[in-house]
Amino acid sequence: MKKSFLRAAAIACLPYCAMGFALATIPAQAADKAEAPKVSKAVSKFLVDCKKGVDTKDWKAAIAACEQAVAVPEATDYDKYLTERFLGVAYLNSGDRAKAGAAFVAVVKNPAAPQDDRDTLIAPAMSLASEANNTPLVIELGQLAVKNNINNPDVWNALAAAYYQNNDGPNAIAYAQKGIDAAVAKNTIPPYGLYQILAFTYDKTKDRANEVKAFELMARDYGKADDWRYLLDFSMETLPAGAKTSREIAALDIYRLRVVVNAAWAGQNYLEAEDAAHAIRSWGDSRQFLQLGTAAGALNQAKVAPVLAQINSDAKKDEPILPTVEKSAKNSKDMVNVAEAYFGYGRYADAIRTAQKAVDLGGVGVAEAKLVIAMSQIKSGDEAAAKQTLAGFQGDAALSRAAQLWNVYLARRYGAAAPAPAAK
């Protein structure tokens, strides 16, 4: 499976892609507190001008006044805290991110800085240090956050990325997971970069099982086409062995999901999908996969034309006799074969009806039938019913994996997609 280009592009943007917070949201100044120390007289006149510059967005004037305050020999730690606080905001808004980062680092390390302000500024300080490729400083600040019990997903995000850059897989995984857990505890979607770090680190260590789990989370929470692509490709690579027919059906169901989530396809994917559909004589699916491949330019239309003509001929004979075959079906496997065919032709109501008959008959076709019902419900726009259908799904290893992937789609948090159009 070729994935080097995406991984190279994504890894190249770490730690920048991993940073999920907006520096523009930093408050212009710390909140006033009655118990705060007094500013030194020698510094106060400069800080008044510095604050005025920040308030009026005259960044040049603010920087000039704050630099005078910094130069006062008798300035206390609290004076320096306020001065660097204003300087960081002024430098950041004037475009000097390197000096802004240095100022915020000074605030974070200053013992006179209030804890809540250090908590606010440590993540931006780490982000700016990361931009400057100062990985040791990112790790130093991150460990300071650990020491101060700052449980911020953005901090773990930056720290995990720094450890990843240092090829420290165990710490990269540990802090990425901390960030994910912190976001989940706040009932928010974890930063995308944390999932990237998990997936890429597990890839480096050749831990495919956990890499796939990371891509499941990325697909569920962000739904990017490339994440679905890798999740489905890896799932096909590792699809559990079992009865040949069951594995072919599971593969077909995974390719059906690929259409729904609009994951990227390679030419070979279309051919593999058609093979899986052909194996169970689902001519509607076979036709759809070849049509999609030629429309995307991934398959040569002239080469595909004879195969497609034969499939159309087979479908023309097959679809009209499905009601007769349905009446003669004596067991769940025969009945679910009819349901599979109806699904391929985009006749989802008929697929649900016949698949439910298969479930009622019991036996070896029940798990496959439940998947057909759920997929048909999804294609019909009834995802609530599909969730109920797949709840507690039991089947062999291959079918269970296919059902799990459809459940990832049903649990997605990036917005509901419209049902895919019926095959023609």
Protein backbone atom coordinates (compact mmCIF):
# COMPACT_ATOMS: atom_id res chain seq x y z
CA MET A 1 0.00 0.00 0.00
CA LYS A 2 1.55 3.29 -1.08
CA LYS A 3 1.15 5.94 1.56
CA SER A 4 4.53 7.60 1.58
CA PHE A 5 3.44 10.81 -0.14
CA LEU A 6 0.67 11.63 2.31
CA ARG A 7 2.78 10.70 5.31
CA ALA A 8 5.69 12.75 4.05
CA ALA A 9 3.48 15.78 3.47
CA ALA A 10 1.72 15.45 6.80
CA ILE A 11 4.87 14.81 8.79
CA ALA A 12 6.55 17.77 7.14
CA CYS A 13 3.91 20.05 8.59
CA LEU A 14 4.43 18.80 12.13
CA PRO A 15 4.65 20.48 14.52
CA TYR A 16 2.81 23.30 12.72
CA CYS A 17 -0.23 21.20 11.72
CA ALA A 18 -0.37 19.85 15.22
CA MET A 19 -0.92 23.28 16.74
CA GLY A 20 -4.63 23.69 17.14
CA PHE A 21 -5.04 26.98 18.99
CA ALA A 22 -5.35 30.57 17.83
CA LEU A 23 -2.74 33.00 19.11
CA ALA A 24 -5.04 35.87 18.27
CA THR A 25 -7.25 34.85 21.19
CA ILE A 26 -4.61 35.78 23.79
CA PRO A 27 -6.04 38.49 26.07
CA ALA A 28 -4.28 41.83 25.56
CA GLN A 29 -3.51 42.01 29.27
CA ALA A 30 -3.94 39.97 32.40
CA ALA A 31 -7.03 40.46 34.51
CA ASP A 32 -6.67 43.04 37.28
CA LYS A 33 -6.62 41.56 40.77
CA ALA A 34 -7.00 43.41 44.06
CA GLU A 35 -4.23 41.36 45.69
CA ALA A 36 -1.73 42.00 42.88
CA PRO A 37 1.64 43.56 43.90
CA LYS A 38 2.27 47.23 43.21
CA VAL A 39 4.30 48.30 40.20
CA SER A 40 7.63 49.97 40.96
CA LYS A 41 7.58 53.75 40.62
CA ALA A 42 10.54 53.75 38.23
CA VAL A 43 8.70 51.37 35.90
CA SER A 44 5.12 52.61 36.22
CA LYS A 45 5.42 55.59 33.88
CA PHE A 46 6.70 53.34 31.08
CA LEU A 47 4.03 50.72 31.73
CA VAL A 48 1.29 53.36 31.50
CA ASP A 49 2.54 54.26 28.00
CA CYS A 50 2.95 50.60 27.13
CA LYS A 51 -0.64 49.80 28.14
CA LYS A 52 -1.89 52.85 26.26
CA GLY A 53 -0.12 51.62 23.10
CA VAL A 54 -1.65 48.16 23.46
CA ASP A 55 -5.13 49.57 24.13
CA THR A 56 -4.94 51.81 21.05
CA LYS A 57 -3.20 49.12 18.96
CA ASP A 58 -0.21 51.40 18.49
CA TRP A 59 2.18 48.47 18.64
CA LYS A 60 5.30 50.50 17.84
CA ALA A 61 4.67 52.87 20.73
CA ALA A 62 3.82 49.98 23.06
CA ILE A 63 7.05 48.17 22.21
CA ALA A 64 9.15 51.31 22.68
CA ALA A 65 7.64 52.02 26.10
CA CYS A 66 7.94 48.41 27.26
CA GLU A 67 11.57 48.21 26.19
CA GLN A 68 12.27 51.25 28.34
CA ALA A 69 10.57 49.48 31.24
CA VAL A 70 12.70 46.38 30.68
CA ALA A 71 15.84 48.51 30.91
CA VAL A 72 15.03 49.78 34.42
CA PRO A 73 17.67 48.15 36.70
CA GLU A 74 15.53 47.97 39.82
CA ALA A 75 12.53 46.37 38.10
CA THR A 76 10.96 43.63 40.21
CA ASP A 77 9.81 40.22 38.94
CA TYR A 78 6.26 41.53 38.94
CA ASP A 79 7.32 44.59 36.89
CA LYS A 80 9.03 42.26 34.42
CA TYR A 81 5.98 40.03 34.27
CA LEU A 82 3.69 42.91 33.28
CA THR A 83 6.24 44.33 30.85
CA GLU A 84 6.86 41.02 29.08
CA ARG A 85 3.10 40.38 29.02
CA PHE A 86 2.48 43.61 27.13
CA LEU A 87 5.55 43.08 24.96
CA GLY A 88 4.38 39.64 23.89
CA VAL A 89 1.02 40.96 22.73
CA ALA A 90 2.60 43.97 20.98
CA TYR A 91 5.27 41.92 19.21
CA LEU A 92 2.75 39.30 18.15
CA ASN A 93 0.40 41.87 16.64
CA SER A 94 3.26 43.72 14.96
CA GLY A 95 4.30 40.50 13.23
CA ASP A 96 7.49 39.72 15.17
CA ARG A 97 6.57 36.23 16.29
CA ALA A 98 10.08 35.32 17.43
CA LYS A 99 10.23 38.18 19.93
CA ALA A 100 6.63 37.55 20.95
CA GLY A 101 7.58 33.96 21.74
CA ALA A 102 10.56 35.07 23.83
CA ALA A 103 8.33 37.47 25.77
CA PHE A 104 5.69 34.83 26.50
CA VAL A 105 8.37 32.37 27.58
CA ALA A 106 9.67 35.01 30.01
CA VAL A 107 6.15 35.38 31.42
CA VAL A 108 5.67 31.64 31.81
CA LYS A 109 9.00 31.26 33.62
CA ASN A 110 8.52 34.33 35.82
CA PRO A 111 7.72 33.29 39.43
CA ALA A 112 5.70 36.48 39.89
CA ALA A 113 3.32 35.65 37.03
CA PRO A 114 -0.12 34.58 38.29
CA GLN A 115 -0.74 30.87 37.79
CA ASP A 116 -3.85 31.40 35.68
CA ASP A 117 -1.93 33.67 33.29
CA ARG A 118 0.87 31.13 32.99
CA ASP A 119 -1.79 28.53 32.24
CA THR A 120 -3.16 30.79 29.50
CA LEU A 121 0.17 31.64 27.90
CA ILE A 122 2.11 28.40 28.08
CA ALA A 123 0.43 26.84 25.05
CA PRO A 124 1.01 29.91 22.82
CA ALA A 125 4.61 30.08 24.09
CA MET A 126 5.09 26.45 23.10
CA SER A 127 3.51 27.08 19.71
CA LEU A 128 5.83 29.99 18.96
CA ALA A 129 8.85 27.98 20.15
CA SER A 130 7.73 25.21 17.83
CA GLU A 131 7.51 27.64 14.92
CA ALA A 132 11.10 28.60 15.65
CA ASN A 133 12.05 24.88 15.55
CA ASN A 134 13.19 25.14 19.16
CA THR A 135 12.20 21.62 20.13
CA PRO A 136 14.18 21.58 23.41
CA LEU A 137 12.33 24.70 24.57
CA VAL A 138 8.96 23.17 23.64
CA ILE A 139 9.80 20.13 25.74
CA GLU A 140 11.08 22.30 28.61
CA LEU A 141 7.85 24.32 28.65
CA GLY A 142 5.78 21.19 28.31
CA GLN A 143 7.44 19.62 31.32
CA LEU A 144 6.83 22.87 33.20
CA ALA A 145 3.15 22.46 32.35
CA VAL A 146 3.28 18.88 33.64
CA LYS A 147 4.87 20.11 36.87
CA ASN A 148 2.16 22.76 37.29
CA ASN A 149 -0.68 20.33 36.48
CA ILE A 150 -1.82 22.31 33.45
CA ASN A 151 -4.22 19.94 31.70
CA ASN A 152 -4.58 21.64 28.32
CA PRO A 153 -4.99 19.62 25.07
CA ASP A 154 -2.98 22.27 23.21
CA VAL A 155 -0.03 21.80 25.59
CA TRP A 156 -0.08 18.03 25.10
CA ASN A 157 -0.44 18.60 21.37
CA ALA A 158 2.72 20.70 21.19
CA LEU A 159 4.65 18.46 23.58
CA ALA A 160 3.70 15.28 21.73
CA ALA A 161 4.75 16.87 18.43
CA ALA A 162 8.11 17.86 19.93
CA TYR A 163 8.77 14.34 21.16
CA TYR A 164 7.75 13.02 17.75
CA GLN A 165 10.32 15.33 16.14
CA ASN A 166 12.88 13.94 18.58
CA ASN A 167 12.01 10.38 17.54
CA ASP A 168 10.86 9.67 21.09
CA GLY A 169 7.93 7.41 20.26
CA PRO A 170 6.86 6.42 23.79
CA ASN A 171 6.61 10.05 24.96
CA ALA A 172 4.99 11.15 21.70
CA ILE A 173 2.28 8.52 22.19
CA ALA A 174 1.90 9.19 25.92
CA TYR A 175 1.39 12.95 25.55
CA ALA A 176 -0.76 12.65 22.45
CA GLN A 177 -3.02 10.33 24.43
CA LYS A 178 -3.02 12.80 27.35
CA GLY A 179 -4.20 15.50 24.99
CA ILE A 180 -6.92 13.30 23.57
CA ASP A 181 -8.07 12.32 27.04
CA ALA A 182 -8.09 15.98 28.17
CA ALA A 183 -10.22 17.00 25.20
CA VAL A 184 -12.62 14.09 25.72
CA ALA A 185 -12.96 15.05 29.39
CA LYS A 186 -14.03 18.53 28.25
CA ASN A 187 -16.48 16.97 25.76
CA THR A 188 -14.62 18.52 22.83
CA ILE A 189 -13.14 16.93 19.72
CA PRO A 190 -9.38 16.40 20.22
CA PRO A 191 -7.02 18.43 18.00
CA TYR A 192 -6.40 16.71 14.68
CA GLY A 193 -2.63 16.88 15.20
CA LEU A 194 -2.85 14.56 18.21
CA TYR A 195 -4.42 11.87 16.07
CA GLN A 196 -1.75 12.43 13.42
CA ILE A 197 1.02 11.96 15.96
CA LEU A 198 -0.53 8.72 17.21
CA ALA A 199 -0.99 7.34 13.70
CA PHE A 200 2.48 8.31 12.48
CA THR A 201 4.25 7.10 15.62
CA TYR A 202 2.50 3.76 15.51
CA ASP A 203 3.41 3.58 11.83
CA LYS A 204 7.09 4.12 12.70
CA THR A 205 6.95 1.35 15.28
CA LYS A 206 5.06 -0.92 12.88
CA ASP A 207 2.15 -1.22 15.31
CA ARG A 208 -0.51 -1.54 12.63
CA ALA A 209 -3.35 -2.43 14.99
CA ASN A 210 -3.01 0.83 16.97
CA GLU A 211 -2.30 2.80 13.81
CA VAL A 212 -5.64 1.64 12.41
CA LYS A 213 -7.37 2.63 15.66
CA ALA A 214 -5.87 6.11 15.34
CA PHE A 215 -7.16 6.41 11.78
CA GLU A 216 -10.58 5.30 13.01
CA LEU A 217 -10.62 8.25 15.40
CA MET A 218 -9.46 10.63 12.67
CA ALA A 219 -12.11 9.35 10.29
CA ARG A 220 -14.81 9.54 12.95
CA ASP A 221 -13.98 13.04 14.20
CA TYR A 222 -12.73 14.80 11.05
CA GLY A 223 -13.82 12.69 8.07
CA LYS A 224 -10.98 13.72 5.78
CA ALA A 225 -10.93 11.76 2.54
CA ASP A 226 -7.32 10.68 2.98
CA ASP A 227 -7.91 9.45 6.52
CA TRP A 228 -10.82 7.34 5.33
CA ARG A 229 -8.64 6.16 2.48
CA TYR A 230 -5.92 4.86 4.76
CA LEU A 231 -8.37 3.43 7.26
CA LEU A 232 -10.15 1.45 4.55
CA ASP A 233 -6.94 0.43 2.77
CA PHE A 234 -5.38 -0.80 6.00
CA SER A 235 -8.61 -2.58 6.90
CA MET A 236 -8.55 -4.40 3.58
CA GLU A 237 -4.91 -5.36 4.14
CA THR A 238 -5.68 -6.77 7.57
CA LEU A 239 -9.18 -8.13 6.91
CA PRO A 240 -9.41 -11.29 9.03
CA ALA A 241 -9.25 -14.61 7.25
CA GLY A 242 -12.27 -16.86 7.33
CA ALA A 243 -14.69 -18.42 4.93
CA LYS A 244 -13.88 -17.17 1.44
CA THR A 245 -17.42 -16.06 0.70
CA SER A 246 -17.67 -14.16 3.98
CA ARG A 247 -14.39 -12.36 3.33
CA GLU A 248 -15.52 -11.38 -0.16
CA ILE A 249 -18.79 -10.02 1.21
CA ALA A 250 -16.96 -8.06 3.92
CA ALA A 251 -14.59 -6.63 1.29
CA LEU A 252 -17.56 -5.61 -0.83
CA ASP A 253 -19.21 -3.91 2.15
CA ILE A 254 -15.99 -1.98 2.86
CA TYR A 255 -15.87 -0.80 -0.76
CA ARG A 256 -19.52 0.20 -0.51
CA LEU A 257 -18.54 2.34 2.49
CA ARG A 258 -15.72 3.84 0.45
CA VAL A 259 -18.31 5.24 -1.94
CA VAL A 260 -20.37 6.73 0.89
CA VAL A 261 -17.45 8.48 2.62
CA ASN A 262 -15.94 9.67 -0.67
CA ALA A 263 -12.51 8.30 0.17
CA ALA A 264 -9.78 8.48 -2.47
CA TRP A 265 -9.56 5.53 -4.88
CA ALA A 266 -6.76 4.09 -6.97
CA GLY A 267 -7.47 2.27 -10.23
CA GLN A 268 -6.76 -1.04 -8.54
CA ASN A 269 -9.38 -0.28 -5.88
CA TYR A 270 -12.14 -0.10 -8.49
CA LEU A 271 -11.08 -3.44 -9.96
CA GLU A 272 -10.87 -5.10 -6.54
CA ALA A 273 -14.30 -3.73 -5.66
CA GLU A 274 -15.76 -5.06 -8.90
CA ASP A 275 -14.17 -8.46 -8.26
CA ALA A 276 -15.79 -8.61 -4.81
CA ALA A 277 -19.18 -7.66 -6.25
CA HIS A 278 -18.77 -10.10 -9.14
CA ALA A 279 -18.02 -12.92 -6.69
CA ILE A 280 -21.51 -12.69 -5.20
CA ARG A 281 -23.16 -11.80 -8.53
CA SER A 282 -24.13 -8.31 -7.39
CA TRP A 283 -24.23 -6.88 -10.90
CA GLY A 284 -25.52 -3.50 -9.77
CA ASP A 285 -22.46 -3.00 -7.56
CA SER A 286 -20.14 -4.31 -10.29
CA ARG A 287 -21.55 -1.81 -12.74
CA GLN A 288 -21.32 1.08 -10.27
CA PHE A 289 -17.67 0.46 -9.44
CA LEU A 290 -16.62 0.30 -13.09
CA GLN A 291 -18.65 3.38 -13.95
CA LEU A 292 -17.09 5.30 -11.06
CA GLY A 293 -13.61 4.21 -12.12
CA THR A 294 -14.05 5.29 -15.74
CA ALA A 295 -15.70 8.57 -14.71
CA ALA A 296 -12.73 9.31 -12.44
CA GLY A 297 -10.29 8.51 -15.26
CA ALA A 298 -8.76 5.73 -13.17
CA LEU A 299 -9.88 2.99 -15.57
CA ASN A 300 -9.48 2.85 -19.33
CA GLN A 301 -12.96 3.19 -20.78
CA ALA A 302 -12.16 1.17 -23.90
CA LYS A 303 -10.79 -1.75 -21.85
CA VAL A 304 -13.67 -1.66 -19.40
CA ALA A 305 -16.40 -1.37 -22.06
CA PRO A 306 -16.66 -5.11 -22.92
CA VAL A 307 -16.80 -6.09 -19.24
CA LEU A 308 -19.37 -3.41 -18.54
CA ALA A 309 -21.45 -4.55 -21.51
CA GLN A 310 -21.51 -8.10 -20.15
CA ILE A 311 -22.42 -6.86 -16.66
CA ASN A 312 -25.28 -4.79 -18.11
CA SER A 313 -26.49 -7.87 -19.98
CA ASP A 314 -26.33 -9.98 -16.82
CA ALA A 315 -28.11 -7.29 -14.81
CA LYS A 316 -30.84 -7.00 -17.43
CA LYS A 317 -31.57 -10.70 -17.01
CA ASP A 318 -31.06 -10.78 -13.24
CA GLU A 319 -33.07 -7.88 -11.86
CA PRO A 320 -36.48 -8.87 -13.31
CA ILE A 321 -36.32 -12.39 -11.84
CA LEU A 322 -35.45 -11.32 -8.29
CA PRO A 323 -39.09 -11.52 -7.06
CA THR A 324 -39.28 -15.10 -8.34
CA VAL A 325 -35.96 -16.03 -6.71
CA GLU A 326 -37.18 -14.43 -3.49
CA LYS A 327 -40.29 -16.60 -3.45
CA SER A 328 -38.24 -19.75 -3.94
CA ALA A 329 -35.61 -18.93 -1.27
CA LYS A 330 -35.69 -21.63 1.40
CA ASN A 331 -33.04 -20.42 3.86
CA SER A 332 -31.45 -17.24 5.13
CA LYS A 333 -28.44 -17.51 2.81
CA ASP A 334 -30.57 -17.75 -0.32
CA MET A 335 -32.74 -14.88 0.89
CA VAL A 336 -29.82 -12.61 1.74
CA ASN A 337 -28.38 -13.21 -1.74
CA VAL A 338 -31.55 -11.61 -3.09
CA ALA A 339 -31.16 -8.73 -0.63
CA GLU A 340 -27.57 -8.18 -1.77
CA ALA A 341 -28.74 -7.96 -5.37
CA TYR A 342 -31.49 -5.48 -4.51
CA PHE A 343 -28.93 -3.35 -2.67
CA GLY A 344 -26.62 -3.33 -5.69
CA TYR A 345 -29.45 -2.05 -7.88
CA GLY A 346 -30.18 0.74 -5.41
CA ARG A 347 -33.52 -0.77 -4.39
CA TYR A 348 -33.01 -0.21 -0.69
CA ALA A 349 -36.56 -0.77 0.51
CA ASP A 350 -36.59 -4.16 -1.21
CA ALA A 351 -33.15 -4.92 0.22
CA ILE A 352 -34.36 -4.17 3.76
CA ARG A 353 -37.52 -6.24 3.29
CA THR A 354 -35.74 -9.34 1.97
CA ALA A 355 -32.80 -9.04 4.37
CA GLN A 356 -35.24 -8.94 7.27
CA LYS A 357 -36.78 -12.15 5.94
CA ALA A 358 -33.30 -13.67 6.05
CA VAL A 359 -32.90 -12.58 9.68
CA ASP A 360 -36.26 -14.09 10.55
CA LEU A 361 -35.28 -17.39 8.93
CA GLY A 362 -32.13 -17.56 11.08
CA GLY A 363 -28.99 -19.46 10.24
CA VAL A 364 -25.74 -18.62 8.47
CA GLY A 365 -27.03 -15.60 6.56
CA VAL A 366 -28.20 -13.53 9.55
CA ALA A 367 -25.05 -11.43 10.10
CA GLU A 368 -24.74 -10.62 6.42
CA ALA A 369 -28.45 -9.75 6.29
CA LYS A 370 -28.12 -7.32 9.20
CA LEU A 371 -25.31 -5.53 7.41
CA VAL A 372 -27.45 -5.25 4.28
CA ILE A 373 -30.30 -3.81 6.36
CA ALA A 374 -28.03 -1.25 8.04
CA MET A 375 -26.37 -0.19 4.80
CA SER A 376 -29.74 0.16 3.11
CA GLN A 377 -31.06 2.23 6.00
CA ILE A 378 -28.03 4.52 5.73
CA LYS A 379 -28.47 4.90 1.99
CA SER A 380 -32.15 5.67 2.62
CA GLY A 381 -31.22 8.38 5.12
CA ASP A 382 -32.34 6.57 8.28
CA GLU A 383 -29.11 6.43 10.27
CA ALA A 384 -30.88 6.15 13.63
CA ALA A 385 -32.38 2.85 12.51
CA ALA A 386 -29.01 1.71 11.15
CA LYS A 387 -27.40 2.29 14.55
CA GLN A 388 -30.02 0.09 16.16
CA THR A 389 -29.53 -2.60 13.51
CA LEU A 390 -25.77 -2.75 14.08
CA ALA A 391 -25.95 -2.53 17.89
CA GLY A 392 -24.37 -5.66 19.33
CA PHE A 393 -23.56 -6.97 15.85
CA GLN A 394 -22.35 -10.57 15.83
CA GLY A 395 -20.76 -12.24 12.84
CA ASP A 396 -17.52 -13.85 11.82
CA ALA A 397 -14.31 -11.81 12.08
CA ALA A 398 -14.46 -10.42 8.53
CA LEU A 399 -18.09 -9.32 8.66
CA SER A 400 -17.61 -7.92 12.16
CA ARG A 401 -14.76 -5.75 10.87
CA ALA A 402 -16.94 -4.44 8.05
CA ALA A 403 -19.73 -3.68 10.53
CA GLN A 404 -17.25 -1.90 12.81
CA LEU A 405 -16.19 0.40 9.97
CA TRP A 406 -19.80 1.25 9.14
CA ASN A 407 -20.28 2.01 12.83
CA VAL A 408 -17.33 4.43 12.65
CA TYR A 409 -19.21 6.22 9.89
CA LEU A 410 -22.44 6.27 11.90
CA ALA A 411 -20.56 7.70 14.90
CA ARG A 412 -18.93 10.47 12.83
CA ARG A 413 -18.73 13.91 14.40
CA TYR A 414 -17.93 16.03 11.38
CA GLY A 415 -21.47 16.44 10.08
CA ALA A 416 -23.91 14.14 8.38
CA ALA A 417 -23.44 13.50 4.69
CA ALA A 418 -26.25 13.06 2.22
CA PRO A 419 -26.96 9.45 1.22
CA ALA A 420 -25.09 8.33 -1.88
CA PRO A 421 -27.21 8.23 -5.06
CA ALA A 422 -28.68 4.90 -6.06
CA ALA A 423 -26.75 2.89 -8.64
CA LYS A 424 -28.15 3.05 -12.15
